[in-house]
Amino acid sequence: MNNDVAEKAVTGVKKRNTQAIKENITGYLFMAPLVLGLVIFVMYPLLECFWLSMFAIQPGLNKFVGLNNFKYAFNDPLVITSVMNTFQMAILNLLLTIPGAFIIASLINSCRRGKNFFKVSYYLPNVTSIIAISLLFKYIFYTSEQGIANYLLSLFGISPVGWFSDPRWAQFTVSFMSFWQSLGSNMLICLAGLQSINRTYYEAAEVDGATGLKKWWYITVPSSKPILVYLLVMVTMSAMKRFGDVWMIGGQYGSPAGVLRTIVLYMYTVNFENYNVGYASAIAVILFLIILILTIINTKLVRFDSDN
């Protein structure tokens, strides 16, 4: 009798183990395409970039140089100015994007009617190509009074501003253009976070006599901390990889006066204009390390848990 019970127990364990193995295999099969794509299109290019950064690769030249590309990059004034330009425009993007998207999302969330209309209206620029947006902004911010912005300024007796031709204004104008294009997606992210806030908090605040602005400041903003941290990380990463808009506005040299030359634009010029693949790969590795460090700093300084 005891032997029969033991055999049944062993058989049951074997069946459960077999079923678990089958479920695991099924899960691995579903994960395989994603993992394979990650390895082929992300991990391999990343490792290959690290490897190429240790070579001097130009037409007719393929020589191992170790860390010489990195030594040259840290002493290259164009790399330094490109990094500084990238940081400056990234800061402008952060100052415009996070407060702007969050405030607009808060206003839409408080609307009783027309929410879908405003969502679609703000999201439309996000599905428009950067080429079309650059041409539109070139027309709106044209240097002379033929541009819409300068024409409106002339009505108040203000001289035309070189929005894209003046080094003092070019970075701000490009950052504003980027903010306008990405506003829709960032606004929807903030809106999703706002709609997940428990309404009980607002009801309790109303009982205590809190006004709309106080409820927004003391309930909405603190409760949206995870979303704001996510936006901080994503906007920073996107701003550090800026290329399309500055290429369309300032060309390969980041005109005017090189203030629009970002690190990715300079990397593109080194690779596809000067055909220096090894040095361009070293710049790409430096950019990867900068983004990695900034991401770690952002997530460490601003914690996700609301208790800290």
C-alpha atoms as a PDB file:
ATOM      1  CA  MET A   1       0.000   0.000   0.000  1.00  0.00           C
ATOM      2  CA  ASN A   2       2.759   2.354   0.944  1.00  0.00           C
ATOM      3  CA  ASN A   3       4.593   1.494  -2.260  1.00  0.00           C
ATOM      4  CA  ASP A   4       1.521   2.409  -4.350  1.00  0.00           C
ATOM      5  CA  VAL A   5       1.212   5.773  -2.617  1.00  0.00           C
ATOM      6  CA  ALA A   6       4.914   6.484  -3.120  1.00  0.00           C
ATOM      7  CA  GLU A   7       4.721   5.556  -6.794  1.00  0.00           C
ATOM      8  CA  LYS A   8       1.705   7.845  -7.304  1.00  0.00           C
ATOM      9  CA  ALA A   9       3.526  10.683  -5.553  1.00  0.00           C
ATOM     10  CA  VAL A  10       6.610  10.205  -7.716  1.00  0.00           C
ATOM     11  CA  THR A  11       4.455  10.021 -10.848  1.00  0.00           C
ATOM     12  CA  GLY A  12       2.673  13.230  -9.873  1.00  0.00           C
ATOM     13  CA  VAL A  13       5.974  15.036  -9.304  1.00  0.00           C
ATOM     14  CA  LYS A  14       7.252  13.866 -12.687  1.00  0.00           C
ATOM     15  CA  LYS A  15       4.095  15.101 -14.426  1.00  0.00           C
ATOM     16  CA  ARG A  16       4.360  18.483 -12.743  1.00  0.00           C
ATOM     17  CA  ASN A  17       8.028  18.763 -13.687  1.00  0.00           C
ATOM     18  CA  THR A  18       7.260  17.780 -17.281  1.00  0.00           C
ATOM     19  CA  GLN A  19       4.448  20.352 -17.456  1.00  0.00           C
ATOM     20  CA  ALA A  20       6.726  23.044 -16.005  1.00  0.00           C
ATOM     21  CA  ILE A  21       9.417  22.234 -18.557  1.00  0.00           C
ATOM     22  CA  LYS A  22       6.893  22.471 -21.412  1.00  0.00           C
ATOM     23  CA  GLU A  23       5.645  25.839 -20.138  1.00  0.00           C
ATOM     24  CA  ASN A  24       9.207  27.118 -19.840  1.00  0.00           C
ATOM     25  CA  ILE A  25      10.033  25.981 -23.366  1.00  0.00           C
ATOM     26  CA  THR A  26       6.909  27.724 -24.675  1.00  0.00           C
ATOM     27  CA  GLY A  27       7.899  30.915 -22.901  1.00  0.00           C
ATOM     28  CA  TYR A  28      11.440  30.756 -24.264  1.00  0.00           C
ATOM     29  CA  LEU A  29      10.117  30.233 -27.795  1.00  0.00           C
ATOM     30  CA  PHE A  30       7.941  33.345 -27.512  1.00  0.00           C
ATOM     31  CA  MET A  31      10.903  35.325 -26.149  1.00  0.00           C
ATOM     32  CA  ALA A  32      13.356  34.049 -28.775  1.00  0.00           C
ATOM     33  CA  PRO A  33      12.505  36.557 -31.587  1.00  0.00           C
ATOM     34  CA  LEU A  34      12.848  39.526 -29.222  1.00  0.00           C
ATOM     35  CA  VAL A  35      16.085  38.259 -27.689  1.00  0.00           C
ATOM     36  CA  LEU A  36      17.481  37.411 -31.127  1.00  0.00           C
ATOM     37  CA  GLY A  37      16.611  40.865 -32.425  1.00  0.00           C
ATOM     38  CA  LEU A  38      18.200  42.448 -29.348  1.00  0.00           C
ATOM     39  CA  VAL A  39      21.411  40.508 -29.875  1.00  0.00           C
ATOM     40  CA  ILE A  40      21.623  41.111 -33.640  1.00  0.00           C
ATOM     41  CA  PHE A  41      20.503  44.750 -33.826  1.00  0.00           C
ATOM     42  CA  VAL A  42      21.653  46.121 -30.441  1.00  0.00           C
ATOM     43  CA  MET A  43      24.315  44.066 -28.697  1.00  0.00           C
ATOM     44  CA  TYR A  44      26.345  43.114 -31.771  1.00  0.00           C
ATOM     45  CA  PRO A  45      26.501  46.675 -33.228  1.00  0.00           C
ATOM     46  CA  LEU A  46      27.414  47.998 -29.770  1.00  0.00           C
ATOM     47  CA  LEU A  47      30.281  45.525 -29.336  1.00  0.00           C
ATOM     48  CA  GLU A  48      31.401  46.067 -32.932  1.00  0.00           C
ATOM     49  CA  CYS A  49      31.458  49.817 -32.312  1.00  0.00           C
ATOM     50  CA  PHE A  50      33.699  49.311 -29.263  1.00  0.00           C
ATOM     51  CA  TRP A  51      36.007  47.127 -31.380  1.00  0.00           C
ATOM     52  CA  LEU A  52      36.165  49.528 -34.340  1.00  0.00           C
ATOM     53  CA  SER A  53      36.966  52.434 -31.998  1.00  0.00           C
ATOM     54  CA  MET A  54      40.413  50.879 -31.468  1.00  0.00           C
ATOM     55  CA  PHE A  55      41.305  51.014 -35.174  1.00  0.00           C
ATOM     56  CA  ALA A  56      42.312  53.727 -37.582  1.00  0.00           C
ATOM     57  CA  ILE A  57      39.981  52.922 -40.465  1.00  0.00           C
ATOM     58  CA  GLN A  58      40.099  55.096 -43.561  1.00  0.00           C
ATOM     59  CA  PRO A  59      40.241  54.379 -47.299  1.00  0.00           C
ATOM     60  CA  GLY A  60      43.407  52.303 -47.744  1.00  0.00           C
ATOM     61  CA  LEU A  61      44.134  52.150 -44.000  1.00  0.00           C
ATOM     62  CA  ASN A  62      43.119  49.632 -41.349  1.00  0.00           C
ATOM     63  CA  LYS A  63      45.458  49.757 -38.371  1.00  0.00           C
ATOM     64  CA  PHE A  64      45.047  48.866 -34.704  1.00  0.00           C
ATOM     65  CA  VAL A  65      45.733  51.982 -32.604  1.00  0.00           C
ATOM     66  CA  GLY A  66      44.362  50.986 -29.209  1.00  0.00           C
ATOM     67  CA  LEU A  67      43.037  53.971 -27.245  1.00  0.00           C
ATOM     68  CA  ASN A  68      44.623  56.609 -29.493  1.00  0.00           C
ATOM     69  CA  ASN A  69      41.248  57.534 -30.991  1.00  0.00           C
ATOM     70  CA  PHE A  70      39.924  58.322 -27.516  1.00  0.00           C
ATOM     71  CA  LYS A  71      43.053  60.327 -26.622  1.00  0.00           C
ATOM     72  CA  TYR A  72      42.634  62.367 -29.785  1.00  0.00           C
ATOM     73  CA  ALA A  73      38.915  62.855 -29.127  1.00  0.00           C
ATOM     74  CA  PHE A  74      39.487  64.262 -25.638  1.00  0.00           C
ATOM     75  CA  ASN A  75      41.867  66.826 -27.158  1.00  0.00           C
ATOM     76  CA  ASP A  76      39.733  67.565 -30.224  1.00  0.00           C
ATOM     77  CA  PRO A  77      38.218  71.066 -29.836  1.00  0.00           C
ATOM     78  CA  LEU A  78      35.345  70.134 -32.153  1.00  0.00           C
ATOM     79  CA  VAL A  79      34.390  67.214 -29.901  1.00  0.00           C
ATOM     80  CA  ILE A  80      34.466  69.502 -26.858  1.00  0.00           C
ATOM     81  CA  THR A  81      32.365  72.217 -28.498  1.00  0.00           C
ATOM     82  CA  SER A  82      29.963  69.601 -29.904  1.00  0.00           C
ATOM     83  CA  VAL A  83      29.433  68.123 -26.442  1.00  0.00           C
ATOM     84  CA  MET A  84      28.909  71.603 -24.971  1.00  0.00           C
ATOM     85  CA  ASN A  85      26.386  72.501 -27.693  1.00  0.00           C
ATOM     86  CA  THR A  86      24.570  69.220 -27.098  1.00  0.00           C
ATOM     87  CA  PHE A  87      24.373  69.848 -23.350  1.00  0.00           C
ATOM     88  CA  GLN A  88      23.151  73.408 -23.815  1.00  0.00           C
ATOM     89  CA  MET A  89      20.329  72.359 -26.134  1.00  0.00           C
ATOM     90  CA  ALA A  90      19.522  69.394 -23.875  1.00  0.00           C
ATOM     91  CA  ILE A  91      19.047  71.762 -20.926  1.00  0.00           C
ATOM     92  CA  LEU A  92      16.824  74.011 -23.041  1.00  0.00           C
ATOM     93  CA  ASN A  93      14.800  70.968 -24.084  1.00  0.00           C
ATOM     94  CA  LEU A  94      14.354  69.854 -20.479  1.00  0.00           C
ATOM     95  CA  LEU A  95      13.284  73.330 -19.359  1.00  0.00           C
ATOM     96  CA  LEU A  96      10.714  73.523 -22.164  1.00  0.00           C
ATOM     97  CA  THR A  97       9.496  69.940 -22.470  1.00  0.00           C
ATOM     98  CA  ILE A  98       8.857  68.663 -18.950  1.00  0.00           C
ATOM     99  CA  PRO A  99       7.023  71.707 -17.510  1.00  0.00           C
ATOM    100  CA  GLY A 100       5.266  72.407 -20.822  1.00  0.00           C
ATOM    101  CA  ALA A 101       4.011  68.853 -21.392  1.00  0.00           C
ATOM    102  CA  PHE A 102       2.944  68.444 -17.763  1.00  0.00           C
ATOM    103  CA  ILE A 103       1.054  71.748 -17.589  1.00  0.00           C
ATOM    104  CA  ILE A 104      -0.774  71.111 -20.871  1.00  0.00           C
ATOM    105  CA  ALA A 105      -1.631  67.561 -19.764  1.00  0.00           C
ATOM    106  CA  SER A 106      -3.002  68.976 -16.492  1.00  0.00           C
ATOM    107  CA  LEU A 107      -5.160  71.475 -18.381  1.00  0.00           C
ATOM    108  CA  ILE A 108      -6.505  68.780 -20.717  1.00  0.00           C
ATOM    109  CA  ASN A 109      -7.149  66.450 -17.796  1.00  0.00           C
ATOM    110  CA  SER A 110      -9.248  69.140 -16.106  1.00  0.00           C
ATOM    111  CA  CYS A 111     -11.398  69.710 -19.202  1.00  0.00           C
ATOM    112  CA  ARG A 112     -14.923  68.372 -19.024  1.00  0.00           C
ATOM    113  CA  ARG A 113     -15.374  68.374 -22.797  1.00  0.00           C
ATOM    114  CA  GLY A 114     -13.128  68.176 -25.834  1.00  0.00           C
ATOM    115  CA  LYS A 115     -10.355  66.042 -24.330  1.00  0.00           C
ATOM    116  CA  ASN A 116     -10.015  63.874 -27.439  1.00  0.00           C
ATOM    117  CA  PHE A 117      -9.887  66.947 -29.690  1.00  0.00           C
ATOM    118  CA  PHE A 118      -7.006  68.445 -27.727  1.00  0.00           C
ATOM    119  CA  LYS A 119      -5.181  65.100 -27.574  1.00  0.00           C
ATOM    120  CA  VAL A 120      -5.303  64.722 -31.363  1.00  0.00           C
ATOM    121  CA  SER A 121      -4.421  68.380 -31.966  1.00  0.00           C
ATOM    122  CA  TYR A 122      -1.309  68.271 -29.802  1.00  0.00           C
ATOM    123  CA  TYR A 123      -0.238  64.867 -31.087  1.00  0.00           C
ATOM    124  CA  LEU A 124      -0.353  65.749 -34.807  1.00  0.00           C
ATOM    125  CA  PRO A 125       3.166  67.290 -34.923  1.00  0.00           C
ATOM    126  CA  ASN A 126       4.546  64.083 -33.441  1.00  0.00           C
ATOM    127  CA  VAL A 127       3.600  62.090 -36.551  1.00  0.00           C
ATOM    128  CA  THR A 128       5.031  64.729 -38.900  1.00  0.00           C
ATOM    129  CA  SER A 129       8.536  64.206 -40.281  1.00  0.00           C
ATOM    130  CA  ILE A 130      11.360  66.375 -39.006  1.00  0.00           C
ATOM    131  CA  ILE A 131      11.993  67.519 -42.593  1.00  0.00           C
ATOM    132  CA  ALA A 132       8.500  68.960 -42.940  1.00  0.00           C
ATOM    133  CA  ILE A 133       8.670  70.565 -39.504  1.00  0.00           C
ATOM    134  CA  SER A 134      12.070  72.106 -40.258  1.00  0.00           C
ATOM    135  CA  LEU A 135      10.767  73.622 -43.491  1.00  0.00           C
ATOM    136  CA  LEU A 136       7.718  74.958 -41.651  1.00  0.00           C
ATOM    137  CA  PHE A 137       9.826  76.558 -38.918  1.00  0.00           C
ATOM    138  CA  LYS A 138      12.222  78.013 -41.481  1.00  0.00           C
ATOM    139  CA  TYR A 139       9.238  79.786 -43.005  1.00  0.00           C
ATOM    140  CA  ILE A 140       7.755  80.907 -39.685  1.00  0.00           C
ATOM    141  CA  PHE A 141      11.101  82.088 -38.265  1.00  0.00           C
ATOM    142  CA  TYR A 142      12.548  83.468 -41.487  1.00  0.00           C
ATOM    143  CA  THR A 143      15.283  86.034 -40.858  1.00  0.00           C
ATOM    144  CA  SER A 144      13.587  89.004 -42.532  1.00  0.00           C
ATOM    145  CA  GLU A 145      10.088  90.381 -42.051  1.00  0.00           C
ATOM    146  CA  GLN A 146       8.854  87.844 -44.605  1.00  0.00           C
ATOM    147  CA  GLY A 147       8.813  85.350 -41.748  1.00  0.00           C
ATOM    148  CA  ILE A 148       5.635  85.204 -39.673  1.00  0.00           C
ATOM    149  CA  ALA A 149       7.412  85.661 -36.334  1.00  0.00           C
ATOM    150  CA  ASN A 150       9.415  88.703 -37.452  1.00  0.00           C
ATOM    151  CA  TYR A 151       6.354  90.196 -39.151  1.00  0.00           C
ATOM    152  CA  LEU A 152       4.451  90.031 -35.871  1.00  0.00           C
ATOM    153  CA  LEU A 153       7.417  91.622 -34.083  1.00  0.00           C
ATOM    154  CA  SER A 154       7.513  94.417 -36.653  1.00  0.00           C
ATOM    155  CA  LEU A 155       3.939  95.350 -35.740  1.00  0.00           C
ATOM    156  CA  PHE A 156       5.309  96.346 -32.320  1.00  0.00           C
ATOM    157  CA  GLY A 157       8.297  98.170 -33.772  1.00  0.00           C
ATOM    158  CA  ILE A 158      10.798  95.381 -32.982  1.00  0.00           C
ATOM    159  CA  SER A 159      13.603  94.739 -35.458  1.00  0.00           C
ATOM    160  CA  PRO A 160      13.752  91.335 -37.188  1.00  0.00           C
ATOM    161  CA  VAL A 161      15.475  88.576 -35.210  1.00  0.00           C
ATOM    162  CA  GLY A 162      17.831  86.084 -36.830  1.00  0.00           C
ATOM    163  CA  TRP A 163      16.133  83.074 -35.305  1.00  0.00           C
ATOM    164  CA  PHE A 164      18.228  80.541 -37.217  1.00  0.00           C
ATOM    165  CA  SER A 165      21.034  82.795 -38.485  1.00  0.00           C
ATOM    166  CA  ASP A 166      22.032  84.449 -35.195  1.00  0.00           C
ATOM    167  CA  PRO A 167      24.190  82.248 -32.883  1.00  0.00           C
ATOM    168  CA  ARG A 168      22.472  83.832 -29.872  1.00  0.00           C
ATOM    169  CA  TRP A 169      19.042  82.554 -30.959  1.00  0.00           C
ATOM    170  CA  ALA A 170      19.695  79.438 -33.049  1.00  0.00           C
ATOM    171  CA  GLN A 171      19.938  76.933 -30.190  1.00  0.00           C
ATOM    172  CA  PHE A 172      16.787  78.213 -28.515  1.00  0.00           C
ATOM    173  CA  THR A 173      14.797  78.156 -31.764  1.00  0.00           C
ATOM    174  CA  VAL A 174      15.874  74.598 -32.594  1.00  0.00           C
ATOM    175  CA  SER A 175      15.073  73.492 -29.029  1.00  0.00           C
ATOM    176  CA  PHE A 176      11.644  75.104 -29.293  1.00  0.00           C
ATOM    177  CA  MET A 177      11.062  73.314 -32.597  1.00  0.00           C
ATOM    178  CA  SER A 178      11.982  69.987 -30.967  1.00  0.00           C
ATOM    179  CA  PHE A 179       9.717  70.761 -28.017  1.00  0.00           C
ATOM    180  CA  TRP A 180       6.805  71.517 -30.351  1.00  0.00           C
ATOM    181  CA  GLN A 181       7.256  68.280 -32.307  1.00  0.00           C
ATOM    182  CA  SER A 182       7.541  65.999 -29.257  1.00  0.00           C
ATOM    183  CA  LEU A 183       4.924  67.789 -27.159  1.00  0.00           C
ATOM    184  CA  GLY A 184       2.117  65.422 -28.142  1.00  0.00           C
ATOM    185  CA  SER A 185       3.769  62.174 -27.058  1.00  0.00           C
ATOM    186  CA  ASN A 186       5.140  63.667 -23.829  1.00  0.00           C
ATOM    187  CA  MET A 187       1.748  65.171 -23.052  1.00  0.00           C
ATOM    188  CA  LEU A 188       0.039  61.796 -23.477  1.00  0.00           C
ATOM    189  CA  ILE A 189       2.555  60.176 -21.122  1.00  0.00           C
ATOM    190  CA  CYS A 190       1.835  62.819 -18.484  1.00  0.00           C
ATOM    191  CA  LEU A 191      -1.905  62.503 -19.089  1.00  0.00           C
ATOM    192  CA  ALA A 192      -1.783  58.751 -18.517  1.00  0.00           C
ATOM    193  CA  GLY A 193      -0.058  59.351 -15.198  1.00  0.00           C
ATOM    194  CA  LEU A 194      -2.558  62.029 -14.155  1.00  0.00           C
ATOM    195  CA  GLN A 195      -5.542  59.790 -14.848  1.00  0.00           C
ATOM    196  CA  SER A 196      -4.096  57.093 -12.587  1.00  0.00           C
ATOM    197  CA  ILE A 197      -4.081  59.358  -9.508  1.00  0.00           C
ATOM    198  CA  ASN A 198      -6.624  58.297  -6.901  1.00  0.00           C
ATOM    199  CA  ARG A 199      -9.561  60.759  -6.887  1.00  0.00           C
ATOM    200  CA  THR A 200      -9.926  60.277  -3.140  1.00  0.00           C
ATOM    201  CA  TYR A 201      -7.006  62.635  -2.582  1.00  0.00           C
ATOM    202  CA  TYR A 202      -8.775  65.451  -4.418  1.00  0.00           C
ATOM    203  CA  GLU A 203     -12.048  64.835  -2.612  1.00  0.00           C
ATOM    204  CA  ALA A 204     -10.289  65.008   0.752  1.00  0.00           C
ATOM    205  CA  ALA A 205      -8.555  68.223  -0.295  1.00  0.00           C
ATOM    206  CA  GLU A 206     -11.888  69.757  -1.354  1.00  0.00           C
ATOM    207  CA  VAL A 207     -13.325  68.959   2.066  1.00  0.00           C
ATOM    208  CA  ASP A 208     -10.380  70.845   3.611  1.00  0.00           C
ATOM    209  CA  GLY A 209     -11.126  73.813   1.330  1.00  0.00           C
ATOM    210  CA  ALA A 210      -8.177  73.493  -1.056  1.00  0.00           C
ATOM    211  CA  THR A 211      -8.409  75.451  -4.312  1.00  0.00           C
ATOM    212  CA  GLY A 212      -7.677  74.055  -7.768  1.00  0.00           C
ATOM    213  CA  LEU A 213      -4.120  75.421  -7.850  1.00  0.00           C
ATOM    214  CA  LYS A 214      -3.291  74.067  -4.394  1.00  0.00           C
ATOM    215  CA  LYS A 215      -4.671  70.648  -5.329  1.00  0.00           C
ATOM    216  CA  TRP A 216      -2.506  70.648  -8.439  1.00  0.00           C
ATOM    217  CA  TRP A 217       0.620  71.692  -6.545  1.00  0.00           C
ATOM    218  CA  TYR A 218       0.263  69.512  -3.437  1.00  0.00           C
ATOM    219  CA  ILE A 219      -1.429  66.433  -4.955  1.00  0.00           C
ATOM    220  CA  THR A 220      -0.979  66.274  -8.728  1.00  0.00           C
ATOM    221  CA  VAL A 221       2.702  67.199  -8.904  1.00  0.00           C
ATOM    222  CA  PRO A 222       3.961  64.878  -6.090  1.00  0.00           C
ATOM    223  CA  SER A 223       1.790  62.003  -7.322  1.00  0.00           C
ATOM    224  CA  SER A 224       3.240  62.366 -10.826  1.00  0.00           C
ATOM    225  CA  LYS A 225       6.832  61.998  -9.688  1.00  0.00           C
ATOM    226  CA  PRO A 226       7.449  58.612 -11.423  1.00  0.00           C
ATOM    227  CA  ILE A 227       6.149  59.984 -14.733  1.00  0.00           C
ATOM    228  CA  LEU A 228       8.274  63.125 -14.432  1.00  0.00           C
ATOM    229  CA  VAL A 229      11.371  61.030 -13.689  1.00  0.00           C
ATOM    230  CA  TYR A 230      10.632  58.874 -16.730  1.00  0.00           C
ATOM    231  CA  LEU A 231      10.291  61.989 -18.889  1.00  0.00           C
ATOM    232  CA  LEU A 232      13.513  63.382 -17.448  1.00  0.00           C
ATOM    233  CA  VAL A 233      15.441  60.273 -18.468  1.00  0.00           C
ATOM    234  CA  MET A 234      13.836  59.908 -21.917  1.00  0.00           C
ATOM    235  CA  VAL A 235      14.069  63.595 -22.875  1.00  0.00           C
ATOM    236  CA  THR A 236      17.702  63.687 -21.771  1.00  0.00           C
ATOM    237  CA  MET A 237      18.555  60.624 -23.870  1.00  0.00           C
ATOM    238  CA  SER A 238      16.711  62.010 -26.887  1.00  0.00           C
ATOM    239  CA  ALA A 239      18.350  65.434 -26.572  1.00  0.00           C
ATOM    240  CA  MET A 240      21.828  63.910 -26.352  1.00  0.00           C
ATOM    241  CA  LYS A 241      21.196  62.055 -29.636  1.00  0.00           C
ATOM    242  CA  ARG A 242      19.935  65.135 -31.497  1.00  0.00           C
ATOM    243  CA  PHE A 243      20.708  65.018 -35.224  1.00  0.00           C
ATOM    244  CA  GLY A 244      17.830  65.443 -37.681  1.00  0.00           C
ATOM    245  CA  ASP A 245      16.711  68.958 -36.736  1.00  0.00           C
ATOM    246  CA  VAL A 246      20.201  70.476 -36.499  1.00  0.00           C
ATOM    247  CA  TRP A 247      21.167  68.817 -39.786  1.00  0.00           C
ATOM    248  CA  MET A 248      18.161  70.310 -41.552  1.00  0.00           C
ATOM    249  CA  ILE A 249      18.692  73.783 -40.075  1.00  0.00           C
ATOM    250  CA  GLY A 250      22.468  74.141 -39.819  1.00  0.00           C
ATOM    251  CA  GLY A 251      23.844  71.614 -42.305  1.00  0.00           C
ATOM    252  CA  GLN A 252      26.846  69.391 -41.652  1.00  0.00           C
ATOM    253  CA  TYR A 253      28.777  72.193 -39.923  1.00  0.00           C
ATOM    254  CA  GLY A 254      25.989  73.200 -37.545  1.00  0.00           C
ATOM    255  CA  SER A 255      25.707  76.777 -38.754  1.00  0.00           C
ATOM    256  CA  PRO A 256      25.559  79.529 -37.658  1.00  0.00           C
ATOM    257  CA  ALA A 257      29.088  79.643 -36.240  1.00  0.00           C
ATOM    258  CA  GLY A 258      28.898  75.940 -35.336  1.00  0.00           C
ATOM    259  CA  VAL A 259      26.460  76.444 -32.440  1.00  0.00           C
ATOM    260  CA  LEU A 260      24.196  73.718 -33.842  1.00  0.00           C
ATOM    261  CA  ARG A 261      26.996  71.185 -34.228  1.00  0.00           C
ATOM    262  CA  THR A 262      25.962  68.388 -31.856  1.00  0.00           C
ATOM    263  CA  ILE A 263      28.041  65.350 -30.987  1.00  0.00           C
ATOM    264  CA  VAL A 264      25.970  63.101 -33.277  1.00  0.00           C
ATOM    265  CA  LEU A 265      26.216  65.609 -36.135  1.00  0.00           C
ATOM    266  CA  TYR A 266      29.990  65.758 -35.723  1.00  0.00           C
ATOM    267  CA  MET A 267      30.151  61.959 -35.567  1.00  0.00           C
ATOM    268  CA  TYR A 268      28.165  61.806 -38.829  1.00  0.00           C
ATOM    269  CA  THR A 269      30.548  64.263 -40.480  1.00  0.00           C
ATOM    270  CA  VAL A 270      33.624  62.323 -39.347  1.00  0.00           C
ATOM    271  CA  ASN A 271      32.162  59.032 -40.578  1.00  0.00           C
ATOM    272  CA  PHE A 272      30.396  59.891 -43.823  1.00  0.00           C
ATOM    273  CA  GLU A 273      32.242  63.025 -44.924  1.00  0.00           C
ATOM    274  CA  ASN A 274      35.796  62.265 -43.756  1.00  0.00           C
ATOM    275  CA  TYR A 275      35.410  58.453 -43.961  1.00  0.00           C
ATOM    276  CA  ASN A 276      37.163  58.018 -40.609  1.00  0.00           C
ATOM    277  CA  VAL A 277      35.191  55.050 -39.269  1.00  0.00           C
ATOM    278  CA  GLY A 278      37.443  54.291 -36.299  1.00  0.00           C
ATOM    279  CA  TYR A 279      37.412  57.828 -34.938  1.00  0.00           C
ATOM    280  CA  ALA A 280      33.637  58.094 -35.459  1.00  0.00           C
ATOM    281  CA  SER A 281      33.201  54.852 -33.516  1.00  0.00           C
ATOM    282  CA  ALA A 282      35.266  56.288 -30.663  1.00  0.00           C
ATOM    283  CA  ILE A 283      32.990  59.353 -30.583  1.00  0.00           C
ATOM    284  CA  ALA A 284      29.968  57.022 -30.533  1.00  0.00           C
ATOM    285  CA  VAL A 285      31.422  55.164 -27.534  1.00  0.00           C
ATOM    286  CA  ILE A 286      31.995  58.459 -25.729  1.00  0.00           C
ATOM    287  CA  LEU A 287      28.386  59.435 -26.411  1.00  0.00           C
ATOM    288  CA  PHE A 288      27.192  56.059 -25.102  1.00  0.00           C
ATOM    289  CA  LEU A 289      29.142  56.565 -21.872  1.00  0.00           C
ATOM    290  CA  ILE A 290      27.809  60.112 -21.448  1.00  0.00           C
ATOM    291  CA  ILE A 291      24.194  58.946 -21.845  1.00  0.00           C
ATOM    292  CA  LEU A 292      24.818  56.026 -19.469  1.00  0.00           C
ATOM    293  CA  ILE A 293      26.272  58.318 -16.795  1.00  0.00           C
ATOM    294  CA  LEU A 294      23.451  60.854 -17.171  1.00  0.00           C
ATOM    295  CA  THR A 295      20.823  58.114 -16.897  1.00  0.00           C
ATOM    296  CA  ILE A 296      22.399  56.755 -13.720  1.00  0.00           C
ATOM    297  CA  ILE A 297      22.624  60.257 -12.223  1.00  0.00           C
ATOM    298  CA  ASN A 298      19.000  61.034 -13.082  1.00  0.00           C
ATOM    299  CA  THR A 299      17.653  57.849 -11.554  1.00  0.00           C
ATOM    300  CA  LYS A 300      19.822  58.235  -8.435  1.00  0.00           C
ATOM    301  CA  LEU A 301      19.075  61.886  -7.763  1.00  0.00           C
ATOM    302  CA  VAL A 302      15.326  61.589  -8.313  1.00  0.00           C
ATOM    303  CA  ARG A 303      14.077  58.366  -6.769  1.00  0.00           C
ATOM    304  CA  PHE A 304      10.866  56.704  -7.898  1.00  0.00           C
ATOM    305  CA  ASP A 305       9.537  55.955  -4.443  1.00  0.00           C
ATOM    306  CA  SER A 306       7.468  58.820  -3.071  1.00  0.00           C
ATOM    307  CA  ASP A 307       8.773  58.309   0.472  1.00  0.00           C
ATOM    308  CA  ASN A 308      12.188  59.829  -0.378  1.00  0.00           C
END
